[in-house]
Amino acid sequence: MKTAKTIKSNQEQALAFWVNYLNQVRLNKLMEALNQQDKNLSEALKELDRALKEVNDIIISNRGGDSGIHGFLAEILETGINNARRLIDGKSANMEWLNDNGPIDLMRDGIGIQQKFYQSDGLFSLNACAKHFKHDSDFLEKGQKYQIPKDQYEKVIYLYSLSEKEAYKQLSAVSEPTISQWRKVHSFFESSDLKVNDFESSHVRYDEAQRDVAKNTLSNERDNIQEIDKQNRDKAYQKSKPSLSEGAKTTVVSASIEGLTTFCLEISKKLKTKKISEFNNEDWTEITKNTGFGFMKGGVRGSSMYLLSNYTVTPTFVASSVVTASFGIAEQVHLYRNGKLSDLELIETSEILCLEASVSALSSLLGQVAIPIPVIGAMIGNTIGNIIFQVSKNYFEGKEQEIFAKYIKEQEKLDKQLDFEYSEYIALLNKNMEAYLDILEQAFAPDIDVAFNGSILLAKQLGVPSEEILEDLESINAYFG
């Protein structure tokens, strides 16, 4: 019987530490994700700092002059922002600013990009791209792209998507985008070898790449990167939270383990009096019934441990003990209602059940600390704890139980007395502290007379002998004379 109880207790605490292990895995993954996000943020901000330095260099050198400087700034901004947004998500930087005045301005994953930021062509930089393509007709080979400002690209795509009927219905002749621009966009793609898919959007608008706002563009991007960082951290936290699927898995596993454990123990109990071949229908019915209860209790145990350990501040081994004690007390209440236990017996057996559960939880915790191997340490520690407690329980019989009950009452009485004395002590301490603070305030008062008298009171309060306290001018002169 003792062996069966130890096995059962081991199984319960092993399940508790398995749930704790699942919780710890999620927390470890969260910490890893947050540590990685720290690195991601650092790398992303470094990339923006690098871009800011290059922007400053371009502005100081006035490269490209008043009409062309924004082109170089746009290339730097595109590279910095593109890479920073990848780095903040844990990806590698994949764009390079070639800065060699060649036919390709940027390289992204081995694909060349020619960037055009024009306002004067009247067609959202499309004509500038067509002019480049006319002199380099092989440019679009190998998937290379033309890149135009974000705001211009959005207008091009919108106008290109409108049919003639929709255009005349939605567009006007004065407010952009206009019906005239719609005609020009459609005419461009009808007459040009360039297709819509040959173009892509920059990360920045035309106005964001100008000399006087380029630095602000990067400053705004820093804010955007930090906002993305917060979102990524929140995603990691949400991912680390307990889930219904994991809770269901815990319930099923716990039910299976406890059910199978119960089945084995029931078989073992029967084998003490007869062979398996001698089991009759009544034996198998009892085994099946108890095994079913084992599956049910295991399911309740698993779901309760998961809920208590994840949605309250209850540790898993304590949660398991709470569930175990709850099952035991429920059984005692059932016996009490059937008249098989007296009032005192109900209280005593319930206390013992709670004490057993507490010792089981404590011994499992100690075992896990001493043997830091998940589950195994819990089982060994739990076994030792049960053996020790089994010995101590031998004294809780007959006269010893009466003494123990009397001791409990005395402890309760002592607790009340200590609470009363503690309250009186705190009240006295507060009173003395108030007096001390009042004297201290006088001792360090700005008024020299008040401070002098306060110093005398403070010295007396601290137990300085009266003959050593300088209380007047005469004693002061005599001391320093």
Protein backbone atom coordinates (compact mmCIF):
# COMPACT_ATOMS: atom_id res chain seq x y z
CA MET A 1 0.00 0.00 0.00
CA LYS A 2 2.83 2.37 0.86
CA THR A 3 4.61 1.49 -2.38
CA ALA A 4 1.46 2.13 -4.41
CA LYS A 5 0.99 5.46 -2.70
CA THR A 6 4.58 6.46 -3.41
CA ILE A 7 4.21 5.46 -7.06
CA LYS A 8 0.99 7.48 -7.31
CA SER A 9 2.59 10.49 -5.66
CA ASN A 10 5.60 10.21 -7.97
CA GLN A 11 3.33 10.18 -10.98
CA GLU A 12 1.46 13.25 -9.75
CA GLN A 13 4.59 15.29 -9.09
CA ALA A 14 6.23 14.10 -12.33
CA LEU A 15 3.22 15.50 -14.19
CA ALA A 16 3.58 18.73 -12.25
CA PHE A 17 7.20 19.11 -13.29
CA TRP A 18 6.35 18.20 -16.87
CA VAL A 19 3.83 21.07 -16.94
CA ASN A 20 6.46 23.28 -15.31
CA TYR A 21 8.93 22.19 -18.00
CA LEU A 22 6.47 23.18 -20.75
CA ASN A 23 5.98 26.58 -19.10
CA GLN A 24 9.73 27.06 -18.73
CA VAL A 25 10.33 26.20 -22.39
CA ARG A 26 7.92 28.95 -23.41
CA LEU A 27 9.58 31.44 -21.05
CA ASN A 28 13.03 30.49 -22.33
CA LYS A 29 11.89 31.04 -25.90
CA LEU A 30 10.48 34.42 -24.90
CA MET A 31 13.78 35.48 -23.31
CA GLU A 32 15.69 34.31 -26.39
CA ALA A 33 13.32 36.25 -28.64
CA LEU A 34 13.65 39.41 -26.53
CA ASN A 35 17.45 39.13 -26.42
CA GLN A 36 17.51 38.67 -30.19
CA GLN A 37 15.21 41.67 -30.58
CA ASP A 38 17.69 43.76 -28.57
CA LYS A 39 20.33 42.86 -31.16
CA ASN A 40 17.92 43.51 -34.03
CA LEU A 41 17.13 47.00 -32.75
CA SER A 42 20.79 47.81 -32.23
CA GLU A 43 21.72 46.71 -35.77
CA ALA A 44 18.78 48.57 -37.35
CA LEU A 45 19.64 51.82 -35.57
CA LYS A 46 23.31 51.45 -36.56
CA GLU A 47 22.20 51.17 -40.19
CA LEU A 48 20.21 54.39 -39.90
CA ASP A 49 23.19 56.10 -38.23
CA ARG A 50 25.36 55.02 -41.15
CA ALA A 51 22.81 56.43 -43.61
CA LEU A 52 22.68 59.70 -41.66
CA LYS A 53 26.46 60.08 -41.91
CA GLU A 54 26.32 59.55 -45.68
CA VAL A 55 23.48 62.06 -45.98
CA ASN A 56 25.58 64.61 -44.09
CA ASP A 57 28.54 63.96 -46.39
CA ILE A 58 26.39 64.49 -49.51
CA ILE A 59 24.87 67.70 -48.16
CA ILE A 60 28.26 69.13 -47.13
CA SER A 61 29.83 68.34 -50.51
CA ASN A 62 26.66 69.48 -52.35
CA ARG A 63 27.09 66.53 -54.67
CA GLY A 64 24.86 66.81 -57.74
CA GLY A 65 24.16 70.48 -57.14
CA ASP A 66 20.75 71.96 -56.42
CA SER A 67 19.06 69.98 -59.18
CA GLY A 68 20.66 66.58 -58.59
CA ILE A 69 21.50 66.27 -54.91
CA HIS A 70 18.11 64.76 -54.07
CA GLY A 71 18.90 61.80 -56.36
CA PHE A 72 21.93 60.79 -54.31
CA LEU A 73 20.03 61.40 -51.07
CA ALA A 74 17.20 59.17 -52.30
CA GLU A 75 19.64 56.33 -52.98
CA ILE A 76 21.13 56.59 -49.48
CA LEU A 77 17.71 56.80 -47.84
CA GLU A 78 16.41 53.80 -49.78
CA THR A 79 19.40 51.68 -48.81
CA GLY A 80 19.33 52.65 -45.13
CA ILE A 81 15.59 52.31 -44.66
CA ASN A 82 15.34 49.05 -46.60
CA ASN A 83 18.14 47.44 -44.59
CA ALA A 84 16.94 48.82 -41.23
CA ARG A 85 13.45 47.38 -41.76
CA ARG A 86 14.92 43.99 -42.51
CA LEU A 87 17.34 44.10 -39.60
CA ILE A 88 14.63 44.98 -37.07
CA ASP A 89 12.85 41.77 -38.10
CA GLY A 90 15.99 39.67 -37.66
CA LYS A 91 16.78 39.43 -41.37
CA SER A 92 20.08 40.33 -42.98
CA ALA A 93 20.70 43.60 -44.80
CA ASN A 94 20.30 42.90 -48.52
CA MET A 95 20.70 46.25 -50.28
CA GLU A 96 23.92 48.02 -51.27
CA TRP A 97 24.43 51.56 -52.56
CA LEU A 98 26.96 51.20 -55.39
CA ASN A 99 27.83 54.90 -55.51
CA ASP A 100 29.81 54.61 -58.77
CA ASN A 101 27.68 56.69 -61.20
CA GLY A 102 27.09 53.52 -63.24
CA PRO A 103 23.89 52.25 -64.91
CA ILE A 104 22.89 50.53 -61.65
CA ASP A 105 22.36 52.60 -58.50
CA LEU A 106 21.45 49.89 -56.00
CA MET A 107 21.92 46.12 -55.65
CA ARG A 108 19.36 44.06 -53.75
CA ASP A 109 19.91 40.33 -53.44
CA GLY A 110 22.03 40.43 -56.60
CA ILE A 111 19.36 42.29 -58.59
CA GLY A 112 20.26 45.70 -60.03
CA ILE A 113 18.01 48.72 -59.45
CA GLN A 114 18.04 52.02 -61.33
CA GLN A 115 16.39 54.73 -59.25
CA LYS A 116 14.75 57.82 -60.79
CA PHE A 117 13.41 60.67 -58.69
CA TYR A 118 12.04 63.25 -61.16
CA GLN A 119 9.33 65.84 -60.81
CA SER A 120 9.96 67.86 -63.95
CA ASP A 121 9.09 65.20 -66.51
CA GLY A 122 5.39 65.57 -65.69
CA LEU A 123 4.86 61.80 -65.70
CA PHE A 124 5.92 60.53 -62.28
CA SER A 125 9.53 59.74 -63.32
CA LEU A 126 8.32 57.36 -66.07
CA ASN A 127 9.89 59.40 -68.87
CA ALA A 128 13.21 59.48 -67.03
CA CYS A 129 13.16 55.68 -66.81
CA ALA A 130 12.24 55.41 -70.52
CA LYS A 131 15.16 57.66 -71.42
CA HIS A 132 17.53 55.44 -69.42
CA PHE A 133 16.11 52.32 -71.07
CA LYS A 134 16.58 53.84 -74.52
CA HIS A 135 20.35 54.03 -73.92
CA ASP A 136 20.52 50.70 -72.07
CA SER A 137 17.98 48.35 -73.65
CA ASP A 138 19.49 45.33 -71.88
CA PHE A 139 18.85 46.80 -68.42
CA LEU A 140 15.74 44.76 -67.63
CA GLU A 141 17.49 41.46 -68.22
CA LYS A 142 18.00 39.20 -65.18
CA GLY A 143 14.99 40.77 -63.43
CA GLN A 144 16.44 44.22 -62.83
CA LYS A 145 14.02 47.03 -61.90
CA TYR A 146 13.32 50.71 -62.20
CA GLN A 147 12.46 52.35 -58.88
CA ILE A 148 10.47 55.60 -58.55
CA PRO A 149 9.27 57.61 -55.50
CA LYS A 150 6.63 55.95 -53.34
CA ASP A 151 4.00 58.65 -53.88
CA GLN A 152 4.54 58.65 -57.65
CA TYR A 153 4.40 54.85 -57.88
CA GLU A 154 1.08 54.77 -56.01
CA LYS A 155 -0.41 57.30 -58.47
CA VAL A 156 0.88 55.35 -61.48
CA ILE A 157 -0.63 52.09 -60.24
CA TYR A 158 -3.93 53.79 -59.39
CA LEU A 159 -4.25 55.53 -62.78
CA TYR A 160 -3.18 52.43 -64.69
CA SER A 161 -5.84 50.34 -62.92
CA LEU A 162 -8.71 52.67 -63.96
CA SER A 163 -10.68 51.99 -67.07
CA GLU A 164 -11.62 54.95 -69.28
CA LYS A 165 -15.17 54.92 -67.93
CA GLU A 166 -13.96 54.85 -64.31
CA ALA A 167 -11.36 57.57 -65.02
CA TYR A 168 -13.93 60.04 -66.40
CA LYS A 169 -16.21 59.23 -63.49
CA GLN A 170 -13.63 59.57 -60.66
CA LEU A 171 -11.05 62.10 -61.91
CA SER A 172 -11.24 65.82 -62.57
CA ALA A 173 -9.26 68.24 -64.73
CA VAL A 174 -7.76 70.21 -61.82
CA SER A 175 -7.14 68.08 -58.70
CA GLU A 176 -4.46 65.38 -58.82
CA PRO A 177 -4.45 62.82 -60.08
CA THR A 178 -6.10 64.42 -63.10
CA ILE A 179 -7.79 62.98 -66.17
CA SER A 180 -4.90 64.36 -68.21
CA GLN A 181 -2.41 62.33 -66.13
CA TRP A 182 -4.55 59.23 -66.65
CA ARG A 183 -4.28 59.70 -70.42
CA LYS A 184 -0.51 60.20 -70.23
CA VAL A 185 0.04 57.08 -68.09
CA HIS A 186 -2.02 54.86 -70.39
CA SER A 187 -0.40 56.38 -73.48
CA PHE A 188 3.04 55.74 -71.98
CA PHE A 189 2.50 52.04 -71.40
CA GLU A 190 0.74 51.57 -74.73
CA SER A 191 3.66 53.06 -76.66
CA SER A 192 6.62 52.01 -74.49
CA ASP A 193 8.50 48.74 -74.22
CA LEU A 194 8.39 49.20 -70.44
CA LYS A 195 5.64 47.42 -68.52
CA VAL A 196 4.08 48.18 -65.16
CA ASN A 197 5.87 45.18 -63.61
CA ASP A 198 9.22 46.71 -64.57
CA PHE A 199 8.70 49.38 -61.91
CA GLU A 200 8.69 49.24 -58.13
CA SER A 201 8.12 51.67 -55.29
CA SER A 202 10.83 53.28 -53.21
CA HIS A 203 10.43 53.36 -49.44
CA VAL A 204 10.48 57.18 -49.54
CA ARG A 205 8.39 59.84 -51.23
CA TYR A 206 9.81 62.44 -53.59
CA ASP A 207 9.56 65.24 -51.00
CA GLU A 208 11.28 63.12 -48.31
CA ALA A 209 14.53 62.95 -50.33
CA GLN A 210 15.06 66.71 -50.56
CA ARG A 211 18.11 68.41 -49.06
CA ASP A 212 16.25 70.18 -46.25
CA VAL A 213 14.18 67.18 -45.10
CA ALA A 214 16.40 64.12 -45.68
CA LYS A 215 17.63 64.14 -42.07
CA ASN A 216 14.06 64.40 -40.79
CA THR A 217 13.16 61.44 -43.00
CA LEU A 218 15.77 59.33 -41.18
CA SER A 219 14.64 60.68 -37.81
CA ASN A 220 11.06 59.66 -38.59
CA GLU A 221 12.32 56.26 -39.68
CA ARG A 222 14.04 55.82 -36.29
CA ASP A 223 10.65 56.32 -34.66
CA ASN A 224 9.12 53.83 -37.09
CA ILE A 225 11.85 51.25 -36.36
CA GLN A 226 11.29 51.61 -32.62
CA GLU A 227 7.56 51.14 -33.13
CA ILE A 228 8.21 47.98 -35.16
CA ASP A 229 10.51 46.84 -32.36
CA LYS A 230 7.68 47.23 -29.83
CA GLN A 231 5.33 45.29 -32.10
CA ASN A 232 7.87 42.47 -32.50
CA ARG A 233 8.34 42.25 -28.74
CA ASP A 234 4.59 42.13 -28.24
CA LYS A 235 4.33 39.34 -30.84
CA ALA A 236 7.01 37.38 -28.97
CA TYR A 237 5.13 37.87 -25.71
CA GLN A 238 1.82 36.81 -27.24
CA LYS A 239 3.50 33.74 -28.72
CA SER A 240 4.90 32.80 -25.30
CA LYS A 241 1.51 32.90 -23.59
CA PRO A 242 -0.25 29.65 -22.67
CA SER A 243 -2.56 28.32 -25.36
CA LEU A 244 -5.70 26.22 -25.54
CA SER A 245 -3.93 23.63 -27.70
CA GLU A 246 -1.10 23.20 -25.20
CA GLY A 247 -3.61 23.03 -22.35
CA ALA A 248 -5.59 20.37 -24.20
CA LYS A 249 -2.40 18.41 -24.84
CA THR A 250 -1.53 18.60 -21.14
CA THR A 251 -5.00 17.38 -20.20
CA VAL A 252 -4.84 14.40 -22.57
CA VAL A 253 -1.32 13.37 -21.52
CA SER A 254 -2.13 13.75 -17.83
CA ALA A 255 -5.33 11.71 -18.21
CA SER A 256 -3.48 8.97 -20.09
CA ILE A 257 -0.63 8.73 -17.58
CA GLU A 258 -2.85 8.73 -14.51
CA GLY A 259 -5.29 6.30 -16.11
CA LEU A 260 -2.55 3.85 -17.05
CA THR A 261 -0.91 4.23 -13.64
CA THR A 262 -4.22 3.45 -11.95
CA PHE A 263 -4.75 0.46 -14.24
CA CYS A 264 -1.32 -0.99 -13.35
CA LEU A 265 -1.85 -0.40 -9.62
CA GLU A 266 -5.27 -2.04 -9.72
CA ILE A 267 -3.83 -5.09 -11.49
CA SER A 268 -0.98 -5.21 -8.98
CA LYS A 269 -3.41 -5.05 -6.06
CA LYS A 270 -5.44 -7.95 -7.42
CA LEU A 271 -2.32 -10.02 -8.12
CA LYS A 272 -1.61 -10.17 -4.38
CA THR A 273 -4.54 -12.54 -3.91
CA LYS A 274 -5.02 -14.26 -7.28
CA LYS A 275 -3.55 -14.77 -10.74
CA ILE A 276 -4.68 -12.81 -13.79
CA SER A 277 -6.22 -15.96 -15.23
CA GLU A 278 -8.39 -16.13 -12.12
CA PHE A 279 -9.81 -12.61 -12.51
CA ASN A 280 -13.61 -12.73 -12.86
CA ASN A 281 -16.07 -10.22 -14.32
CA GLU A 282 -16.39 -8.48 -10.99
CA ASP A 283 -12.63 -8.00 -10.79
CA TRP A 284 -12.39 -6.57 -14.31
CA THR A 285 -15.42 -4.33 -13.70
CA GLU A 286 -13.74 -2.89 -10.60
CA ILE A 287 -10.44 -2.43 -12.45
CA THR A 288 -12.18 -0.74 -15.38
CA LYS A 289 -14.20 1.51 -13.09
CA ASN A 290 -11.18 2.66 -11.08
CA THR A 291 -9.12 3.10 -14.25
CA GLY A 292 -11.88 5.30 -15.66
CA PHE A 293 -11.76 7.40 -12.51
CA GLY A 294 -7.99 7.58 -12.96
CA PHE A 295 -8.38 8.94 -16.49
CA MET A 296 -10.93 11.47 -15.26
CA LYS A 297 -8.79 12.60 -12.31
CA GLY A 298 -5.75 12.80 -14.55
CA GLY A 299 -7.60 15.03 -17.00
CA VAL A 300 -8.79 17.30 -14.20
CA ARG A 301 -5.30 17.33 -12.69
CA GLY A 302 -3.62 18.21 -15.98
CA SER A 303 -6.03 21.00 -16.90
CA SER A 304 -6.04 22.37 -13.33
CA MET A 305 -2.24 22.42 -13.11
CA TYR A 306 -1.99 24.13 -16.48
CA LEU A 307 -4.58 26.76 -15.60
CA LEU A 308 -3.31 27.41 -12.07
CA SER A 309 0.35 27.61 -13.08
CA ASN A 310 -0.29 29.87 -16.09
CA TYR A 311 -3.18 32.09 -15.07
CA THR A 312 -2.40 32.52 -11.37
CA VAL A 313 0.85 32.84 -9.40
CA THR A 314 0.64 29.19 -8.29
CA PRO A 315 3.77 27.08 -9.03
CA THR A 316 3.06 23.77 -10.78
CA PHE A 317 4.15 21.50 -7.91
CA VAL A 318 1.89 23.46 -5.56
CA ALA A 319 -0.93 23.32 -8.10
CA SER A 320 -0.56 19.54 -8.27
CA SER A 321 -0.69 19.29 -4.49
CA VAL A 322 -3.78 21.50 -4.37
CA VAL A 323 -5.52 19.22 -6.86
CA THR A 324 -4.41 16.09 -4.97
CA ALA A 325 -5.63 17.51 -1.66
CA SER A 326 -8.91 18.57 -3.28
CA PHE A 327 -9.57 15.05 -4.54
CA GLY A 328 -8.77 13.61 -1.10
CA ILE A 329 -10.95 16.08 0.80
CA ALA A 330 -13.82 15.52 -1.64
CA GLU A 331 -13.61 11.81 -0.86
CA GLN A 332 -13.63 12.51 2.90
CA VAL A 333 -16.67 14.75 2.53
CA HIS A 334 -18.42 11.93 0.68
CA LEU A 335 -17.67 9.54 3.57
CA TYR A 336 -18.82 12.15 6.09
CA ARG A 337 -22.14 12.64 4.30
CA ASN A 338 -22.68 8.88 4.38
CA GLY A 339 -22.15 8.88 8.13
CA LYS A 340 -18.82 7.03 8.01
CA LEU A 341 -16.83 9.91 9.55
CA SER A 342 -17.46 12.15 12.53
CA ASP A 343 -16.92 15.89 12.49
CA LEU A 344 -13.55 15.55 14.17
CA GLU A 345 -12.48 12.72 11.87
CA LEU A 346 -13.36 14.79 8.82
CA ILE A 347 -11.21 17.66 10.06
CA GLU A 348 -8.31 15.43 11.04
CA THR A 349 -8.23 13.40 7.84
CA SER A 350 -8.51 16.57 5.77
CA GLU A 351 -5.61 18.11 7.68
CA ILE A 352 -3.49 14.98 7.13
CA LEU A 353 -4.32 15.00 3.42
CA CYS A 354 -3.28 18.63 3.12
CA LEU A 355 -0.12 17.97 5.10
CA GLU A 356 0.74 14.98 2.91
CA ALA A 357 0.19 17.05 -0.23
CA SER A 358 2.35 19.85 1.17
CA VAL A 359 5.19 17.50 2.07
CA SER A 360 4.95 15.88 -1.36
CA ALA A 361 5.21 19.29 -3.03
CA LEU A 362 8.09 20.42 -0.80
CA SER A 363 10.05 17.19 -1.19
CA SER A 364 9.60 17.33 -4.98
CA LEU A 365 10.91 20.88 -5.01
CA LEU A 366 13.93 19.89 -2.91
CA GLY A 367 14.55 16.89 -5.14
CA GLN A 368 14.42 19.04 -8.25
CA VAL A 369 16.93 21.49 -6.75
CA ALA A 370 19.30 18.73 -5.64
CA ILE A 371 18.95 16.79 -8.90
CA PRO A 372 18.41 19.33 -11.70
CA ILE A 373 17.08 16.80 -14.22
CA PRO A 374 13.43 17.47 -15.20
CA VAL A 375 10.95 14.94 -13.75
CA ILE A 376 13.61 12.47 -12.44
CA GLY A 377 14.75 14.86 -9.70
CA ALA A 378 11.12 15.40 -8.73
CA MET A 379 10.42 11.66 -8.48
CA ILE A 380 13.51 10.89 -6.37
CA GLY A 381 12.93 13.84 -4.06
CA ASN A 382 9.28 12.91 -3.73
CA THR A 383 10.11 9.32 -2.84
CA ILE A 384 12.53 10.40 -0.09
CA GLY A 385 9.99 12.89 1.26
CA ASN A 386 7.26 10.24 1.41
CA ILE A 387 9.50 7.77 3.24
CA ILE A 388 10.43 10.39 5.84
CA PHE A 389 6.83 11.43 6.27
CA GLN A 390 5.71 7.79 6.51
CA VAL A 391 7.95 7.40 9.55
CA SER A 392 6.66 10.58 11.16
CA LYS A 393 3.05 9.51 10.59
CA ASN A 394 3.55 6.54 12.92
CA TYR A 395 3.43 9.00 15.83
CA PHE A 396 0.08 10.40 14.83
CA GLU A 397 -1.94 7.58 16.39
CA GLY A 398 -3.93 7.25 19.62
CA LYS A 399 -2.63 9.44 22.39
CA GLU A 400 -0.10 11.10 20.10
CA GLN A 401 -2.88 12.30 17.81
CA GLU A 402 -4.64 13.90 20.76
CA ILE A 403 -1.41 15.63 21.74
CA PHE A 404 -0.97 16.75 18.16
CA ALA A 405 -4.51 18.18 18.03
CA LYS A 406 -3.94 19.96 21.34
CA TYR A 407 -0.65 21.30 20.01
CA ILE A 408 -2.44 22.72 16.97
CA LYS A 409 -4.89 24.58 19.20
CA GLU A 410 -2.05 25.89 21.35
CA GLN A 411 -0.28 27.08 18.22
CA GLU A 412 -3.39 28.91 17.10
CA LYS A 413 -3.68 30.55 20.52
CA LEU A 414 0.02 31.46 20.42
CA ASP A 415 -0.38 32.92 16.94
CA LYS A 416 -3.14 35.21 18.17
CA GLN A 417 -1.06 36.28 21.17
CA LEU A 418 1.96 36.97 18.97
CA ASP A 419 -0.19 38.96 16.56
CA PHE A 420 -1.42 41.10 19.47
CA GLU A 421 2.09 41.62 20.87
CA TYR A 422 3.41 42.39 17.40
CA SER A 423 0.75 45.05 16.88
CA GLU A 424 1.60 46.65 20.25
CA TYR A 425 5.30 46.56 19.41
CA ILE A 426 4.75 48.24 16.06
CA ALA A 427 2.59 50.94 17.69
CA LEU A 428 5.29 51.61 20.31
CA LEU A 429 7.98 51.65 17.62
CA ASN A 430 6.01 54.17 15.56
CA LYS A 431 5.52 56.35 18.64
CA ASN A 432 9.24 56.29 19.48
CA MET A 433 10.14 56.94 15.87
CA GLU A 434 7.93 60.03 15.78
CA ALA A 435 9.63 61.37 18.90
CA TYR A 436 13.07 60.58 17.48
CA LEU A 437 12.31 62.30 14.16
CA ASP A 438 11.05 65.36 16.04
CA ILE A 439 14.31 65.57 18.03
CA LEU A 440 16.33 64.96 14.86
CA GLU A 441 14.53 67.79 13.11
CA GLN A 442 15.37 70.13 16.00
CA ALA A 443 19.03 69.03 16.03
CA PHE A 444 19.48 70.03 12.38
CA ALA A 445 17.22 73.08 12.39
CA PRO A 446 18.53 76.27 10.65
CA ASP A 447 18.02 78.25 13.88
CA ILE A 448 21.25 77.75 15.91
CA ASP A 449 19.49 77.92 19.30
CA VAL A 450 16.90 75.34 18.27
CA ALA A 451 19.63 73.14 16.79
CA PHE A 452 21.73 73.42 19.98
CA ASN A 453 18.85 72.34 22.22
CA GLY A 454 17.89 69.65 19.73
CA SER A 455 21.43 68.27 19.77
CA ILE A 456 21.27 67.97 23.56
CA LEU A 457 17.97 66.08 23.38
CA LEU A 458 19.34 63.83 20.61
CA ALA A 459 22.42 62.98 22.67
CA LYS A 460 20.27 62.08 25.67
CA GLN A 461 17.97 60.00 23.43
CA LEU A 462 20.97 58.05 22.14
CA GLY A 463 22.16 57.31 25.70
CA VAL A 464 25.13 59.67 25.97
CA PRO A 465 26.06 60.13 29.68
CA SER A 466 24.90 63.48 31.09
CA GLU A 467 28.42 64.47 32.21
CA GLU A 468 29.65 64.17 28.63
CA ILE A 469 26.97 66.45 27.13
CA LEU A 470 27.92 70.12 26.66
CA GLU A 471 24.71 71.84 27.73
CA ASP A 472 25.82 75.50 28.09
CA LEU A 473 28.46 78.03 26.99
CA GLU A 474 30.47 77.52 30.17
CA SER A 475 30.86 73.76 29.64
CA ILE A 476 31.69 74.32 25.95
CA ASN A 477 34.48 76.80 26.79
CA ALA A 478 35.82 74.47 29.46
CA TYR A 479 35.88 71.55 26.96
CA PHE A 480 37.67 73.45 24.16
CA GLY A 481 39.69 75.73 26.45
